[in-house]
Amino acid sequence: MASRPSKRGNGYATSAVAAMVEAAVLDPSVDALTAETAVQNLASQAVLERNGFARASTRIDVEDGEVIGWARRLT
């Protein structure tokens, strides 16, 4: 699902990921978070970087092509 241009750049995705990270930090059973983005999805990569994720890997997905794996340790 594509976002509408008027909703881009307002920090909604960054805030949503921050809320998920905050919830995960409060759960003692979670010690790390992972995510994947398409190589060409620079906006999503920036959202993850702003929330403390680091590039961890790359792989080829049959549907999306090359994707970047991201990780963030919570402990």
PDB file of N, CA and C in Angstrom:
ATOM      1  N   MET A   1       0.839  -1.162   0.000  1.00  0.00           N
ATOM      2  CA  MET A   1       0.000   0.000   0.000  1.00  0.00           C
ATOM      3  C   MET A   1       0.893   1.237   0.000  1.00  0.00           C
ATOM      4  N   ALA A   2       0.730   2.083  -0.956  1.00  0.00           N
ATOM      5  CA  ALA A   2       1.525   3.299  -1.061  1.00  0.00           C
ATOM      6  C   ALA A   2       0.918   4.397  -0.203  1.00  0.00           C
ATOM      7  N   SER A   3       1.793   5.206   0.356  1.00  0.00           N
ATOM      8  CA  SER A   3       1.295   6.328   1.152  1.00  0.00           C
ATOM      9  C   SER A   3       0.985   7.510   0.242  1.00  0.00           C
ATOM     10  N   ARG A   4       0.120   8.352   0.720  1.00  0.00           N
ATOM     11  CA  ARG A   4      -0.190   9.567  -0.025  1.00  0.00           C
ATOM     12  C   ARG A   4       0.930  10.575   0.188  1.00  0.00           C
ATOM     13  N   PRO A   5       1.314  11.292  -0.854  1.00  0.00           N
ATOM     14  CA  PRO A   5       2.388  12.278  -0.701  1.00  0.00           C
ATOM     15  C   PRO A   5       2.141  13.277   0.420  1.00  0.00           C
ATOM     16  N   SER A   6       0.902  13.641   0.685  1.00  0.00           N
ATOM     17  CA  SER A   6       0.621  14.612   1.739  1.00  0.00           C
ATOM     18  C   SER A   6       0.906  14.070   3.132  1.00  0.00           C
ATOM     19  N   LYS A   7       1.035  12.769   3.270  1.00  0.00           N
ATOM     20  CA  LYS A   7       1.299  12.147   4.570  1.00  0.00           C
ATOM     21  C   LYS A   7       2.775  11.819   4.756  1.00  0.00           C
ATOM     22  N   ARG A   8       3.578  12.047   3.745  1.00  0.00           N
ATOM     23  CA  ARG A   8       5.003  11.741   3.829  1.00  0.00           C
ATOM     24  C   ARG A   8       5.756  12.892   4.474  1.00  0.00           C
ATOM     25  N   GLY A   9       6.821  12.546   5.180  1.00  0.00           N
ATOM     26  CA  GLY A   9       7.693  13.559   5.736  1.00  0.00           C
ATOM     27  C   GLY A   9       7.173  14.233   6.995  1.00  0.00           C
ATOM     28  N   ASN A  10       6.140  13.681   7.595  1.00  0.00           N
ATOM     29  CA  ASN A  10       5.586  14.260   8.812  1.00  0.00           C
ATOM     30  C   ASN A  10       6.051  13.547  10.076  1.00  0.00           C
ATOM     31  N   GLY A  11       6.873  12.524   9.939  1.00  0.00           N
ATOM     32  CA  GLY A  11       7.400  11.815  11.098  1.00  0.00           C
ATOM     33  C   GLY A  11       6.508  10.723  11.641  1.00  0.00           C
ATOM     34  N   TYR A  12       5.426  10.395  10.935  1.00  0.00           N
ATOM     35  CA  TYR A  12       4.506   9.377  11.439  1.00  0.00           C
ATOM     36  C   TYR A  12       5.170   8.009  11.548  1.00  0.00           C
ATOM     37  N   ALA A  13       5.905   7.607  10.532  1.00  0.00           N
ATOM     38  CA  ALA A  13       6.563   6.292  10.569  1.00  0.00           C
ATOM     39  C   ALA A  13       7.639   6.260  11.645  1.00  0.00           C
ATOM     40  N   THR A  14       8.409   7.331  11.760  1.00  0.00           N
ATOM     41  CA  THR A  14       9.447   7.393  12.783  1.00  0.00           C
ATOM     42  C   THR A  14       8.832   7.275  14.174  1.00  0.00           C
ATOM     43  N   SER A  15       7.740   7.980  14.399  1.00  0.00           N
ATOM     44  CA  SER A  15       7.059   7.914  15.696  1.00  0.00           C
ATOM     45  C   SER A  15       6.479   6.532  15.960  1.00  0.00           C
ATOM     46  N   ALA A  16       5.926   5.908  14.934  1.00  0.00           N
ATOM     47  CA  ALA A  16       5.344   4.574  15.100  1.00  0.00           C
ATOM     48  C   ALA A  16       6.422   3.548  15.448  1.00  0.00           C
ATOM     49  N   VAL A  17       7.553   3.608  14.764  1.00  0.00           N
ATOM     50  CA  VAL A  17       8.642   2.681  15.075  1.00  0.00           C
ATOM     51  C   VAL A  17       9.190   2.976  16.465  1.00  0.00           C
ATOM     52  N   ALA A  18       9.296   4.229  16.830  1.00  0.00           N
ATOM     53  CA  ALA A  18       9.770   4.588  18.181  1.00  0.00           C
ATOM     54  C   ALA A  18       8.847   4.005  19.247  1.00  0.00           C
ATOM     55  N   ALA A  19       7.548   4.044  19.005  1.00  0.00           N
ATOM     56  CA  ALA A  19       6.590   3.481  19.964  1.00  0.00           C
ATOM     57  C   ALA A  19       6.757   1.968  20.069  1.00  0.00           C
ATOM     58  N   MET A  20       7.004   1.308  18.953  1.00  0.00           N
ATOM     59  CA  MET A  20       7.222  -0.143  18.982  1.00  0.00           C
ATOM     60  C   MET A  20       8.511  -0.479  19.735  1.00  0.00           C
ATOM     61  N   VAL A  21       9.561   0.305  19.516  1.00  0.00           N
ATOM     62  CA  VAL A  21      10.818   0.080  20.225  1.00  0.00           C
ATOM     63  C   VAL A  21      10.599   0.272  21.726  1.00  0.00           C
ATOM     64  N   GLU A  22       9.894   1.331  22.084  1.00  0.00           N
ATOM     65  CA  GLU A  22       9.615   1.605  23.493  1.00  0.00           C
ATOM     66  C   GLU A  22       8.855   0.453  24.150  1.00  0.00           C
ATOM     67  N   ALA A  23       7.866  -0.080  23.448  1.00  0.00           N
ATOM     68  CA  ALA A  23       7.110  -1.219  23.984  1.00  0.00           C
ATOM     69  C   ALA A  23       8.005  -2.446  24.117  1.00  0.00           C
ATOM     70  N   ALA A  24       8.875  -2.663  23.147  1.00  0.00           N
ATOM     71  CA  ALA A  24       9.764  -3.822  23.195  1.00  0.00           C
ATOM     72  C   ALA A  24      10.753  -3.714  24.348  1.00  0.00           C
ATOM     73  N   VAL A  25      11.236  -2.507  24.621  1.00  0.00           N
ATOM     74  CA  VAL A  25      12.173  -2.292  25.726  1.00  0.00           C
ATOM     75  C   VAL A  25      11.544  -2.691  27.055  1.00  0.00           C
ATOM     76  N   LEU A  26      10.250  -2.484  27.185  1.00  0.00           N
ATOM     77  CA  LEU A  26       9.546  -2.813  28.426  1.00  0.00           C
ATOM     78  C   LEU A  26       9.255  -4.302  28.589  1.00  0.00           C
ATOM     79  N   ASP A  27       9.445  -5.070  27.534  1.00  0.00           N
ATOM     80  CA  ASP A  27       9.182  -6.511  27.570  1.00  0.00           C
ATOM     81  C   ASP A  27      10.491  -7.246  27.826  1.00  0.00           C
ATOM     82  N   PRO A  28      10.670  -7.831  29.002  1.00  0.00           N
ATOM     83  CA  PRO A  28      11.945  -8.472  29.329  1.00  0.00           C
ATOM     84  C   PRO A  28      12.277  -9.686  28.454  1.00  0.00           C
ATOM     85  N   SER A  29      11.312 -10.201  27.738  1.00  0.00           N
ATOM     86  CA  SER A  29      11.587 -11.357  26.882  1.00  0.00           C
ATOM     87  C   SER A  29      12.154 -10.956  25.514  1.00  0.00           C
ATOM     88  N   VAL A  30      12.193  -9.664  25.223  1.00  0.00           N
ATOM     89  CA  VAL A  30      12.700  -9.180  23.932  1.00  0.00           C
ATOM     90  C   VAL A  30      14.072  -8.566  24.152  1.00  0.00           C
ATOM     91  N   ASP A  31      15.080  -9.096  23.446  1.00  0.00           N
ATOM     92  CA  ASP A  31      16.418  -8.521  23.589  1.00  0.00           C
ATOM     93  C   ASP A  31      16.931  -7.871  22.311  1.00  0.00           C
ATOM     94  N   ALA A  32      16.193  -8.033  21.210  1.00  0.00           N
ATOM     95  CA  ALA A  32      16.602  -7.412  19.957  1.00  0.00           C
ATOM     96  C   ALA A  32      15.402  -7.300  19.024  1.00  0.00           C
ATOM     97  N   LEU A  33      15.492  -6.355  18.113  1.00  0.00           N
ATOM     98  CA  LEU A  33      14.475  -6.185  17.081  1.00  0.00           C
ATOM     99  C   LEU A  33      15.148  -6.285  15.722  1.00  0.00           C
ATOM    100  N   THR A  34      14.415  -6.786  14.735  1.00  0.00           N
ATOM    101  CA  THR A  34      14.933  -6.854  13.372  1.00  0.00           C
ATOM    102  C   THR A  34      13.899  -6.283  12.411  1.00  0.00           C
ATOM    103  N   ALA A  35      14.377  -5.863  11.259  1.00  0.00           N
ATOM    104  CA  ALA A  35      13.497  -5.336  10.218  1.00  0.00           C
ATOM    105  C   ALA A  35      14.190  -5.547   8.877  1.00  0.00           C
ATOM    106  N   GLU A  36      13.437  -5.411   7.810  1.00  0.00           N
ATOM    107  CA  GLU A  36      13.999  -5.469   6.464  1.00  0.00           C
ATOM    108  C   GLU A  36      13.418  -4.341   5.633  1.00  0.00           C
ATOM    109  N   THR A  37      14.257  -3.792   4.751  1.00  0.00           N
ATOM    110  CA  THR A  37      13.791  -2.799   3.784  1.00  0.00           C
ATOM    111  C   THR A  37      14.345  -3.138   2.415  1.00  0.00           C
ATOM    112  N   ALA A  38      13.611  -2.755   1.398  1.00  0.00           N
ATOM    113  CA  ALA A  38      14.151  -2.861   0.046  1.00  0.00           C
ATOM    114  C   ALA A  38      15.322  -1.890  -0.079  1.00  0.00           C
ATOM    115  N   VAL A  39      16.310  -2.244  -0.861  1.00  0.00           N
ATOM    116  CA  VAL A  39      17.491  -1.411  -1.033  1.00  0.00           C
ATOM    117  C   VAL A  39      17.111  -0.007  -1.501  1.00  0.00           C
ATOM    118  N   GLN A  40      16.116   0.101  -2.356  1.00  0.00           N
ATOM    119  CA  GLN A  40      15.731   1.399  -2.896  1.00  0.00           C
ATOM    120  C   GLN A  40      14.788   2.200  -1.995  1.00  0.00           C
ATOM    121  N   ASN A  41      14.372   1.648  -0.859  1.00  0.00           N
ATOM    122  CA  ASN A  41      13.439   2.341   0.030  1.00  0.00           C
ATOM    123  C   ASN A  41      14.214   3.182   1.053  1.00  0.00           C
ATOM    124  N   LEU A  42      14.714   4.309   0.603  1.00  0.00           N
ATOM    125  CA  LEU A  42      15.554   5.161   1.432  1.00  0.00           C
ATOM    126  C   LEU A  42      14.790   5.769   2.603  1.00  0.00           C
ATOM    127  N   ALA A  43      13.510   6.065   2.408  1.00  0.00           N
ATOM    128  CA  ALA A  43      12.720   6.661   3.496  1.00  0.00           C
ATOM    129  C   ALA A  43      12.602   5.690   4.669  1.00  0.00           C
ATOM    130  N   SER A  44      12.311   4.430   4.395  1.00  0.00           N
ATOM    131  CA  SER A  44      12.200   3.444   5.476  1.00  0.00           C
ATOM    132  C   SER A  44      13.548   3.195   6.136  1.00  0.00           C
ATOM    133  N   GLN A  45      14.609   3.230   5.355  1.00  0.00           N
ATOM    134  CA  GLN A  45      15.946   3.071   5.930  1.00  0.00           C
ATOM    135  C   GLN A  45      16.238   4.212   6.903  1.00  0.00           C
ATOM    136  N   ALA A  46      15.859   5.424   6.539  1.00  0.00           N
ATOM    137  CA  ALA A  46      16.079   6.578   7.417  1.00  0.00           C
ATOM    138  C   ALA A  46      15.269   6.455   8.705  1.00  0.00           C
ATOM    139  N   VAL A  47      14.040   5.949   8.592  1.00  0.00           N
ATOM    140  CA  VAL A  47      13.201   5.742   9.784  1.00  0.00           C
ATOM    141  C   VAL A  47      13.901   4.784  10.741  1.00  0.00           C
ATOM    142  N   LEU A  48      14.409   3.689  10.223  1.00  0.00           N
ATOM    143  CA  LEU A  48      15.086   2.714  11.081  1.00  0.00           C
ATOM    144  C   LEU A  48      16.353   3.301  11.689  1.00  0.00           C
ATOM    145  N   GLU A  49      17.137   4.017  10.898  1.00  0.00           N
ATOM    146  CA  GLU A  49      18.362   4.626  11.429  1.00  0.00           C
ATOM    147  C   GLU A  49      18.041   5.625  12.536  1.00  0.00           C
ATOM    148  N   ARG A  50      16.983   6.419  12.362  1.00  0.00           N
ATOM    149  CA  ARG A  50      16.603   7.391  13.393  1.00  0.00           C
ATOM    150  C   ARG A  50      16.173   6.698  14.685  1.00  0.00           C
ATOM    151  N   ASN A  51      15.785   5.443  14.585  1.00  0.00           N
ATOM    152  CA  ASN A  51      15.345   4.689  15.757  1.00  0.00           C
ATOM    153  C   ASN A  51      16.403   3.703  16.258  1.00  0.00           C
ATOM    154  N   GLY A  52      17.639   3.923  15.886  1.00  0.00           N
ATOM    155  CA  GLY A  52      18.740   3.155  16.452  1.00  0.00           C
ATOM    156  C   GLY A  52      19.033   1.814  15.819  1.00  0.00           C
ATOM    157  N   PHE A  53      18.438   1.522  14.669  1.00  0.00           N
ATOM    158  CA  PHE A  53      18.729   0.270  13.977  1.00  0.00           C
ATOM    159  C   PHE A  53      20.015   0.427  13.169  1.00  0.00           C
ATOM    160  N   ALA A  54      20.731  -0.673  13.000  1.00  0.00           N
ATOM    161  CA  ALA A  54      21.948  -0.694  12.201  1.00  0.00           C
ATOM    162  C   ALA A  54      21.819  -1.757  11.120  1.00  0.00           C
ATOM    163  N   ARG A  55      22.425  -1.496   9.988  1.00  0.00           N
ATOM    164  CA  ARG A  55      22.429  -2.501   8.910  1.00  0.00           C
ATOM    165  C   ARG A  55      23.139  -3.749   9.407  1.00  0.00           C
ATOM    166  N   ALA A  56      22.529  -4.897   9.162  1.00  0.00           N
ATOM    167  CA  ALA A  56      23.099  -6.146   9.660  1.00  0.00           C
ATOM    168  C   ALA A  56      23.381  -7.158   8.555  1.00  0.00           C
ATOM    169  N   SER A  57      22.642  -7.072   7.438  1.00  0.00           N
ATOM    170  CA  SER A  57      22.803  -8.076   6.398  1.00  0.00           C
ATOM    171  C   SER A  57      22.106  -7.620   5.114  1.00  0.00           C
ATOM    172  N   THR A  58      22.300  -8.378   4.066  1.00  0.00           N
ATOM    173  CA  THR A  58      21.520  -8.217   2.839  1.00  0.00           C
ATOM    174  C   THR A  58      21.157  -9.609   2.343  1.00  0.00           C
ATOM    175  N   ARG A  59      20.078  -9.677   1.599  1.00  0.00           N
ATOM    176  CA  ARG A  59      19.682 -10.948   0.985  1.00  0.00           C
ATOM    177  C   ARG A  59      18.823 -10.628  -0.236  1.00  0.00           C
ATOM    178  N   ILE A  60      18.580 -11.633  -1.034  1.00  0.00           N
ATOM    179  CA  ILE A  60      17.716 -11.486  -2.201  1.00  0.00           C
ATOM    180  C   ILE A  60      16.368 -12.110  -1.877  1.00  0.00           C
ATOM    181  N   ASP A  61      15.324 -11.320  -2.000  1.00  0.00           N
ATOM    182  CA  ASP A  61      13.952 -11.775  -1.807  1.00  0.00           C
ATOM    183  C   ASP A  61      13.337 -12.009  -3.178  1.00  0.00           C
ATOM    184  N   VAL A  62      12.591 -13.106  -3.340  1.00  0.00           N
ATOM    185  CA  VAL A  62      12.032 -13.422  -4.657  1.00  0.00           C
ATOM    186  C   VAL A  62      11.049 -12.365  -5.142  1.00  0.00           C
ATOM    187  N   GLU A  63      10.367 -11.683  -4.238  1.00  0.00           N
ATOM    188  CA  GLU A  63       9.394 -10.666  -4.636  1.00  0.00           C
ATOM    189  C   GLU A  63       9.972  -9.258  -4.675  1.00  0.00           C
ATOM    190  N   ASP A  64      10.831  -8.935  -3.711  1.00  0.00           N
ATOM    191  CA  ASP A  64      11.312  -7.566  -3.555  1.00  0.00           C
ATOM    192  C   ASP A  64      12.719  -7.322  -4.077  1.00  0.00           C
ATOM    193  N   GLY A  65      13.419  -8.369  -4.480  1.00  0.00           N
ATOM    194  CA  GLY A  65      14.804  -8.197  -4.904  1.00  0.00           C
ATOM    195  C   GLY A  65      15.719  -8.098  -3.693  1.00  0.00           C
ATOM    196  N   GLU A  66      16.770  -7.285  -3.807  1.00  0.00           N
ATOM    197  CA  GLU A  66      17.724  -7.166  -2.711  1.00  0.00           C
ATOM    198  C   GLU A  66      17.100  -6.379  -1.559  1.00  0.00           C
ATOM    199  N   VAL A  67      17.209  -6.941  -0.360  1.00  0.00           N
ATOM    200  CA  VAL A  67      16.700  -6.283   0.836  1.00  0.00           C
ATOM    201  C   VAL A  67      17.834  -6.172   1.863  1.00  0.00           C
ATOM    202  N   ILE A  68      17.708  -5.151   2.688  1.00  0.00           N
ATOM    203  CA  ILE A  68      18.681  -4.934   3.767  1.00  0.00           C
ATOM    204  C   ILE A  68      18.050  -5.397   5.066  1.00  0.00           C
ATOM    205  N   GLY A  69      18.792  -6.174   5.821  1.00  0.00           N
ATOM    206  CA  GLY A  69      18.375  -6.587   7.153  1.00  0.00           C
ATOM    207  C   GLY A  69      18.911  -5.599   8.169  1.00  0.00           C
ATOM    208  N   TRP A  70      18.067  -5.223   9.114  1.00  0.00           N
ATOM    209  CA  TRP A  70      18.412  -4.250  10.150  1.00  0.00           C
ATOM    210  C   TRP A  70      18.253  -4.894  11.508  1.00  0.00           C
ATOM    211  N   ALA A  71      19.022  -4.451  12.493  1.00  0.00           N
ATOM    212  CA  ALA A  71      18.919  -4.990  13.847  1.00  0.00           C
ATOM    213  C   ALA A  71      19.118  -3.863  14.861  1.00  0.00           C
ATOM    214  N   ARG A  72      18.468  -4.046  16.000  1.00  0.00           N
ATOM    215  CA  ARG A  72      18.673  -3.149  17.132  1.00  0.00           C
ATOM    216  C   ARG A  72      18.630  -3.979  18.400  1.00  0.00           C
ATOM    217  N   ARG A  73      19.730  -3.971  19.136  1.00  0.00           N
ATOM    218  CA  ARG A  73      19.791  -4.653  20.426  1.00  0.00           C
ATOM    219  C   ARG A  73      19.125  -3.781  21.459  1.00  0.00           C
ATOM    220  N   LEU A  74      18.420  -4.416  22.378  1.00  0.00           N
ATOM    221  CA  LEU A  74      17.715  -3.680  23.424  1.00  0.00           C
ATOM    222  C   LEU A  74      18.379  -3.815  24.780  1.00  0.00           C
ATOM    223  N   THR A  75      19.301  -4.758  24.918  1.00  0.00           N
ATOM    224  CA  THR A  75      19.950  -4.979  26.202  1.00  0.00           C
ATOM    225  C   THR A  75      21.382  -4.515  26.174  1.00  0.00           C
TER     226      THR A  75
END
